[in-house]
Amino acid sequence: MNRIKTKIKMLAVSRGMTLKNLAIKLSELKGEEYSYSSLLGKLNRESLSLKEAEEIAQILDYRLEFVDKN
């Protein structure tokens, strides 16, 4: 099971957004072409960078945070 893809899809849906809409917003945020197929490929390969994850979180009005497990 692809946990990253599932989680991002769930978060996007909770904000009323599809992955296609998310790719459009990423393009606007980054100022460069970010296609649906490239986003889907990264999610399927689980090769999303931390920077990309932070940008997705920003678009969806979330923040990423590292939490001490202890």
PDB file of N, CA and C in Angstrom:
ATOM      1  N   MET A   1       0.834  -1.187   0.000  1.00  0.00           N
ATOM      2  CA  MET A   1       0.000   0.000   0.000  1.00  0.00           C
ATOM      3  C   MET A   1       0.880   1.252   0.000  1.00  0.00           C
ATOM      4  N   ASN A   2       0.535   2.197  -0.812  1.00  0.00           N
ATOM      5  CA  ASN A   2       1.290   3.431  -0.947  1.00  0.00           C
ATOM      6  C   ASN A   2       0.743   4.452   0.055  1.00  0.00           C
ATOM      7  N   ARG A   3       1.389   4.540   1.209  1.00  0.00           N
ATOM      8  CA  ARG A   3       0.887   5.390   2.292  1.00  0.00           C
ATOM      9  C   ARG A   3       0.962   6.878   1.969  1.00  0.00           C
ATOM     10  N   ILE A   4       2.025   7.282   1.292  1.00  0.00           N
ATOM     11  CA  ILE A   4       2.183   8.711   0.970  1.00  0.00           C
ATOM     12  C   ILE A   4       1.069   9.165   0.029  1.00  0.00           C
ATOM     13  N   LYS A   5       0.846   8.397  -1.031  1.00  0.00           N
ATOM     14  CA  LYS A   5      -0.186   8.746  -2.006  1.00  0.00           C
ATOM     15  C   LYS A   5      -1.561   8.780  -1.339  1.00  0.00           C
ATOM     16  N   THR A   6      -1.849   7.763  -0.550  1.00  0.00           N
ATOM     17  CA  THR A   6      -3.144   7.683   0.123  1.00  0.00           C
ATOM     18  C   THR A   6      -3.339   8.870   1.065  1.00  0.00           C
ATOM     19  N   LYS A   7      -2.314   9.191   1.834  1.00  0.00           N
ATOM     20  CA  LYS A   7      -2.417  10.287   2.801  1.00  0.00           C
ATOM     21  C   LYS A   7      -2.624  11.632   2.096  1.00  0.00           C
ATOM     22  N   ILE A   8      -1.844  11.893   1.055  1.00  0.00           N
ATOM     23  CA  ILE A   8      -1.969  13.173   0.349  1.00  0.00           C
ATOM     24  C   ILE A   8      -3.318  13.270  -0.342  1.00  0.00           C
ATOM     25  N   LYS A   9      -3.790  12.173  -0.934  1.00  0.00           N
ATOM     26  CA  LYS A   9      -5.115  12.188  -1.557  1.00  0.00           C
ATOM     27  C   LYS A   9      -6.193  12.481  -0.520  1.00  0.00           C
ATOM     28  N   MET A  10      -6.087  11.867   0.655  1.00  0.00           N
ATOM     29  CA  MET A  10      -7.074  12.098   1.713  1.00  0.00           C
ATOM     30  C   MET A  10      -7.056  13.551   2.178  1.00  0.00           C
ATOM     31  N   LEU A  11      -5.865  14.096   2.353  1.00  0.00           N
ATOM     32  CA  LEU A  11      -5.747  15.490   2.785  1.00  0.00           C
ATOM     33  C   LEU A  11      -6.296  16.443   1.725  1.00  0.00           C
ATOM     34  N   ALA A  12      -6.005  16.150   0.455  1.00  0.00           N
ATOM     35  CA  ALA A  12      -6.504  16.993  -0.634  1.00  0.00           C
ATOM     36  C   ALA A  12      -8.027  16.948  -0.682  1.00  0.00           C
ATOM     37  N   VAL A  13      -8.592  15.757  -0.606  1.00  0.00           N
ATOM     38  CA  VAL A  13     -10.054  15.611  -0.633  1.00  0.00           C
ATOM     39  C   VAL A  13     -10.685  16.349   0.542  1.00  0.00           C
ATOM     40  N   SER A  14     -10.033  16.301   1.697  1.00  0.00           N
ATOM     41  CA  SER A  14     -10.580  16.997   2.868  1.00  0.00           C
ATOM     42  C   SER A  14     -10.638  18.509   2.647  1.00  0.00           C
ATOM     43  N   ARG A  15      -9.836  19.002   1.700  1.00  0.00           N
ATOM     44  CA  ARG A  15      -9.839  20.430   1.353  1.00  0.00           C
ATOM     45  C   ARG A  15     -10.606  20.684   0.061  1.00  0.00           C
ATOM     46  N   GLY A  16     -11.317  19.663  -0.437  1.00  0.00           N
ATOM     47  CA  GLY A  16     -12.113  19.822  -1.643  1.00  0.00           C
ATOM     48  C   GLY A  16     -11.276  19.927  -2.906  1.00  0.00           C
ATOM     49  N   MET A  17     -10.123  19.255  -2.921  1.00  0.00           N
ATOM     50  CA  MET A  17      -9.189  19.381  -4.029  1.00  0.00           C
ATOM     51  C   MET A  17      -8.834  18.001  -4.581  1.00  0.00           C
ATOM     52  N   THR A  18      -8.663  17.918  -5.887  1.00  0.00           N
ATOM     53  CA  THR A  18      -8.189  16.685  -6.522  1.00  0.00           C
ATOM     54  C   THR A  18      -6.675  16.777  -6.697  1.00  0.00           C
ATOM     55  N   LEU A  19      -6.057  15.657  -7.057  1.00  0.00           N
ATOM     56  CA  LEU A  19      -4.622  15.682  -7.332  1.00  0.00           C
ATOM     57  C   LEU A  19      -4.315  16.550  -8.543  1.00  0.00           C
ATOM     58  N   LYS A  20      -5.227  16.611  -9.498  1.00  0.00           N
ATOM     59  CA  LYS A  20      -5.028  17.497 -10.657  1.00  0.00           C
ATOM     60  C   LYS A  20      -5.005  18.956 -10.203  1.00  0.00           C
ATOM     61  N   ASN A  21      -5.948  19.323  -9.332  1.00  0.00           N
ATOM     62  CA  ASN A  21      -5.959  20.688  -8.798  1.00  0.00           C
ATOM     63  C   ASN A  21      -4.689  20.970  -8.007  1.00  0.00           C
ATOM     64  N   LEU A  22      -4.244  19.976  -7.258  1.00  0.00           N
ATOM     65  CA  LEU A  22      -3.034  20.119  -6.462  1.00  0.00           C
ATOM     66  C   LEU A  22      -1.821  20.370  -7.369  1.00  0.00           C
ATOM     67  N   ALA A  23      -1.737  19.651  -8.474  1.00  0.00           N
ATOM     68  CA  ALA A  23      -0.635  19.855  -9.428  1.00  0.00           C
ATOM     69  C   ALA A  23      -0.676  21.278  -9.997  1.00  0.00           C
ATOM     70  N   ILE A  24      -1.853  21.784 -10.282  1.00  0.00           N
ATOM     71  CA  ILE A  24      -1.999  23.163 -10.787  1.00  0.00           C
ATOM     72  C   ILE A  24      -1.515  24.157  -9.743  1.00  0.00           C
ATOM     73  N   LYS A  25      -1.918  23.954  -8.499  1.00  0.00           N
ATOM     74  CA  LYS A  25      -1.498  24.844  -7.407  1.00  0.00           C
ATOM     75  C   LYS A  25       0.012  24.782  -7.192  1.00  0.00           C
ATOM     76  N   LEU A  26       0.600  23.574  -7.326  1.00  0.00           N
ATOM     77  CA  LEU A  26       2.050  23.448  -7.209  1.00  0.00           C
ATOM     78  C   LEU A  26       2.746  24.239  -8.312  1.00  0.00           C
ATOM     79  N   SER A  27       2.204  24.166  -9.518  1.00  0.00           N
ATOM     80  CA  SER A  27       2.769  24.933 -10.641  1.00  0.00           C
ATOM     81  C   SER A  27       2.741  26.420 -10.337  1.00  0.00           C
ATOM     82  N   GLU A  28       1.624  26.897  -9.814  1.00  0.00           N
ATOM     83  CA  GLU A  28       1.499  28.317  -9.474  1.00  0.00           C
ATOM     84  C   GLU A  28       2.474  28.706  -8.373  1.00  0.00           C
ATOM     85  N   LEU A  29       2.595  27.861  -7.353  1.00  0.00           N
ATOM     86  CA  LEU A  29       3.469  28.150  -6.223  1.00  0.00           C
ATOM     87  C   LEU A  29       4.939  28.154  -6.640  1.00  0.00           C
ATOM     88  N   LYS A  30       5.322  27.183  -7.449  1.00  0.00           N
ATOM     89  CA  LYS A  30       6.721  27.038  -7.839  1.00  0.00           C
ATOM     90  C   LYS A  30       7.097  27.910  -9.032  1.00  0.00           C
ATOM     91  N   GLY A  31       6.096  28.376  -9.779  1.00  0.00           N
ATOM     92  CA  GLY A  31       6.383  29.179 -10.956  1.00  0.00           C
ATOM     93  C   GLY A  31       6.964  28.367 -12.097  1.00  0.00           C
ATOM     94  N   GLU A  32       6.689  27.087 -12.094  1.00  0.00           N
ATOM     95  CA  GLU A  32       7.155  26.197 -13.161  1.00  0.00           C
ATOM     96  C   GLU A  32       6.118  25.106 -13.377  1.00  0.00           C
ATOM     97  N   GLU A  33       6.199  24.459 -14.525  1.00  0.00           N
ATOM     98  CA  GLU A  33       5.220  23.422 -14.868  1.00  0.00           C
ATOM     99  C   GLU A  33       5.347  22.225 -13.927  1.00  0.00           C
ATOM    100  N   TYR A  34       4.243  21.858 -13.336  1.00  0.00           N
ATOM    101  CA  TYR A  34       4.178  20.691 -12.455  1.00  0.00           C
ATOM    102  C   TYR A  34       2.916  19.947 -12.856  1.00  0.00           C
ATOM    103  N   SER A  35       3.071  18.910 -13.635  1.00  0.00           N
ATOM    104  CA  SER A  35       1.905  18.236 -14.202  1.00  0.00           C
ATOM    105  C   SER A  35       1.312  17.205 -13.248  1.00  0.00           C
ATOM    106  N   TYR A  36       0.071  16.876 -13.522  1.00  0.00           N
ATOM    107  CA  TYR A  36      -0.623  15.831 -12.767  1.00  0.00           C
ATOM    108  C   TYR A  36       0.144  14.526 -12.869  1.00  0.00           C
ATOM    109  N   SER A  37       0.621  14.185 -14.074  1.00  0.00           N
ATOM    110  CA  SER A  37       1.313  12.906 -14.257  1.00  0.00           C
ATOM    111  C   SER A  37       2.643  12.880 -13.498  1.00  0.00           C
ATOM    112  N   SER A  38       3.339  14.008 -13.423  1.00  0.00           N
ATOM    113  CA  SER A  38       4.594  14.018 -12.664  1.00  0.00           C
ATOM    114  C   SER A  38       4.321  13.899 -11.163  1.00  0.00           C
ATOM    115  N   LEU A  39       3.276  14.564 -10.685  1.00  0.00           N
ATOM    116  CA  LEU A  39       2.900  14.434  -9.277  1.00  0.00           C
ATOM    117  C   LEU A  39       2.484  13.002  -8.973  1.00  0.00           C
ATOM    118  N   LEU A  40       1.647  12.428  -9.811  1.00  0.00           N
ATOM    119  CA  LEU A  40       1.192  11.059  -9.606  1.00  0.00           C
ATOM    120  C   LEU A  40       2.366  10.086  -9.639  1.00  0.00           C
ATOM    121  N   GLY A  41       3.295  10.299 -10.557  1.00  0.00           N
ATOM    122  CA  GLY A  41       4.478   9.437 -10.632  1.00  0.00           C
ATOM    123  C   GLY A  41       5.295   9.487  -9.354  1.00  0.00           C
ATOM    124  N   LYS A  42       5.515  10.692  -8.836  1.00  0.00           N
ATOM    125  CA  LYS A  42       6.275  10.830  -7.588  1.00  0.00           C
ATOM    126  C   LYS A  42       5.548  10.168  -6.426  1.00  0.00           C
ATOM    127  N   LEU A  43       4.240  10.305  -6.383  1.00  0.00           N
ATOM    128  CA  LEU A  43       3.474   9.677  -5.314  1.00  0.00           C
ATOM    129  C   LEU A  43       3.508   8.149  -5.442  1.00  0.00           C
ATOM    130  N   ASN A  44       3.389   7.642  -6.659  1.00  0.00           N
ATOM    131  CA  ASN A  44       3.424   6.195  -6.880  1.00  0.00           C
ATOM    132  C   ASN A  44       4.788   5.603  -6.545  1.00  0.00           C
ATOM    133  N   ARG A  45       5.856   6.343  -6.861  1.00  0.00           N
ATOM    134  CA  ARG A  45       7.221   5.869  -6.576  1.00  0.00           C
ATOM    135  C   ARG A  45       7.653   6.186  -5.148  1.00  0.00           C
ATOM    136  N   GLU A  46       6.838   6.960  -4.450  1.00  0.00           N
ATOM    137  CA  GLU A  46       7.170   7.452  -3.112  1.00  0.00           C
ATOM    138  C   GLU A  46       8.502   8.196  -3.140  1.00  0.00           C
ATOM    139  N   SER A  47       8.659   9.065  -4.143  1.00  0.00           N
ATOM    140  CA  SER A  47       9.906   9.807  -4.309  1.00  0.00           C
ATOM    141  C   SER A  47       9.707  11.310  -4.140  1.00  0.00           C
ATOM    142  N   LEU A  48       8.714  11.693  -3.397  1.00  0.00           N
ATOM    143  CA  LEU A  48       8.442  13.093  -3.120  1.00  0.00           C
ATOM    144  C   LEU A  48       9.547  13.634  -2.213  1.00  0.00           C
ATOM    145  N   SER A  49      10.087  14.796  -2.555  1.00  0.00           N
ATOM    146  CA  SER A  49      11.110  15.396  -1.698  1.00  0.00           C
ATOM    147  C   SER A  49      10.455  16.063  -0.487  1.00  0.00           C
ATOM    148  N   LEU A  50      11.253  16.329   0.516  1.00  0.00           N
ATOM    149  CA  LEU A  50      10.739  17.025   1.694  1.00  0.00           C
ATOM    150  C   LEU A  50      10.228  18.405   1.306  1.00  0.00           C
ATOM    151  N   LYS A  51      10.929  19.084   0.414  1.00  0.00           N
ATOM    152  CA  LYS A  51      10.510  20.411  -0.046  1.00  0.00           C
ATOM    153  C   LYS A  51       9.139  20.336  -0.721  1.00  0.00           C
ATOM    154  N   GLU A  52       8.948  19.323  -1.580  1.00  0.00           N
ATOM    155  CA  GLU A  52       7.661  19.152  -2.250  1.00  0.00           C
ATOM    156  C   GLU A  52       6.558  18.839  -1.240  1.00  0.00           C
ATOM    157  N   ALA A  53       6.873  18.026  -0.245  1.00  0.00           N
ATOM    158  CA  ALA A  53       5.892  17.709   0.789  1.00  0.00           C
ATOM    159  C   ALA A  53       5.507  18.970   1.565  1.00  0.00           C
ATOM    160  N   GLU A  54       6.490  19.814   1.851  1.00  0.00           N
ATOM    161  CA  GLU A  54       6.208  21.074   2.547  1.00  0.00           C
ATOM    162  C   GLU A  54       5.330  21.988   1.690  1.00  0.00           C
ATOM    163  N   GLU A  55       5.594  22.034   0.389  1.00  0.00           N
ATOM    164  CA  GLU A  55       4.791  22.867  -0.512  1.00  0.00           C
ATOM    165  C   GLU A  55       3.360  22.348  -0.608  1.00  0.00           C
ATOM    166  N   ILE A  56       3.200  21.046  -0.669  1.00  0.00           N
ATOM    167  CA  ILE A  56       1.860  20.448  -0.694  1.00  0.00           C
ATOM    168  C   ILE A  56       1.131  20.767   0.600  1.00  0.00           C
ATOM    169  N   ALA A  57       1.826  20.631   1.722  1.00  0.00           N
ATOM    170  CA  ALA A  57       1.220  20.956   3.014  1.00  0.00           C
ATOM    171  C   ALA A  57       0.790  22.417   3.053  1.00  0.00           C
ATOM    172  N   GLN A  58       1.621  23.299   2.542  1.00  0.00           N
ATOM    173  CA  GLN A  58       1.296  24.728   2.505  1.00  0.00           C
ATOM    174  C   GLN A  58       0.035  24.972   1.682  1.00  0.00           C
ATOM    175  N   ILE A  59      -0.038  24.359   0.517  1.00  0.00           N
ATOM    176  CA  ILE A  59      -1.207  24.525  -0.352  1.00  0.00           C
ATOM    177  C   ILE A  59      -2.470  24.035   0.345  1.00  0.00           C
ATOM    178  N   LEU A  60      -2.354  22.924   1.070  1.00  0.00           N
ATOM    179  CA  LEU A  60      -3.513  22.324   1.729  1.00  0.00           C
ATOM    180  C   LEU A  60      -3.761  22.906   3.123  1.00  0.00           C
ATOM    181  N   ASP A  61      -2.966  23.918   3.490  1.00  0.00           N
ATOM    182  CA  ASP A  61      -3.096  24.600   4.784  1.00  0.00           C
ATOM    183  C   ASP A  61      -2.806  23.659   5.958  1.00  0.00           C
ATOM    184  N   TYR A  62      -1.733  22.905   5.799  1.00  0.00           N
ATOM    185  CA  TYR A  62      -1.196  22.064   6.875  1.00  0.00           C
ATOM    186  C   TYR A  62       0.248  22.448   7.085  1.00  0.00           C
ATOM    187  N   ARG A  63       0.874  21.915   8.100  1.00  0.00           N
ATOM    188  CA  ARG A  63       2.312  22.077   8.286  1.00  0.00           C
ATOM    189  C   ARG A  63       2.912  20.711   8.607  1.00  0.00           C
ATOM    190  N   LEU A  64       4.122  20.515   8.153  1.00  0.00           N
ATOM    191  CA  LEU A  64       4.851  19.292   8.470  1.00  0.00           C
ATOM    192  C   LEU A  64       5.654  19.545   9.731  1.00  0.00           C
ATOM    193  N   GLU A  65       5.767  18.517  10.532  1.00  0.00           N
ATOM    194  CA  GLU A  65       6.498  18.698  11.765  1.00  0.00           C
ATOM    195  C   GLU A  65       7.105  17.369  12.176  1.00  0.00           C
ATOM    196  N   PHE A  66       8.306  17.417  12.698  1.00  0.00           N
ATOM    197  CA  PHE A  66       8.947  16.226  13.221  1.00  0.00           C
ATOM    198  C   PHE A  66       8.645  16.170  14.720  1.00  0.00           C
ATOM    199  N   VAL A  67       8.182  15.017  15.162  1.00  0.00           N
ATOM    200  CA  VAL A  67       7.784  14.848  16.552  1.00  0.00           C
ATOM    201  C   VAL A  67       8.663  13.767  17.175  1.00  0.00           C
ATOM    202  N   ASP A  68       9.248  14.092  18.310  1.00  0.00           N
ATOM    203  CA  ASP A  68      10.074  13.140  19.048  1.00  0.00           C
ATOM    204  C   ASP A  68       9.220  11.949  19.455  1.00  0.00           C
ATOM    205  N   LYS A  69       9.675  10.763  19.146  1.00  0.00           N
ATOM    206  CA  LYS A  69       8.900   9.570  19.452  1.00  0.00           C
ATOM    207  C   LYS A  69       8.931   9.216  20.936  1.00  0.00           C
ATOM    208  N   ASN A  70       9.837   9.829  21.671  1.00  0.00           N
ATOM    209  CA  ASN A  70       9.947   9.503  23.115  1.00  0.00           C
ATOM    210  C   ASN A  70       9.177  10.445  23.968  1.00  0.00           C
TER     211      ASN A  70
END
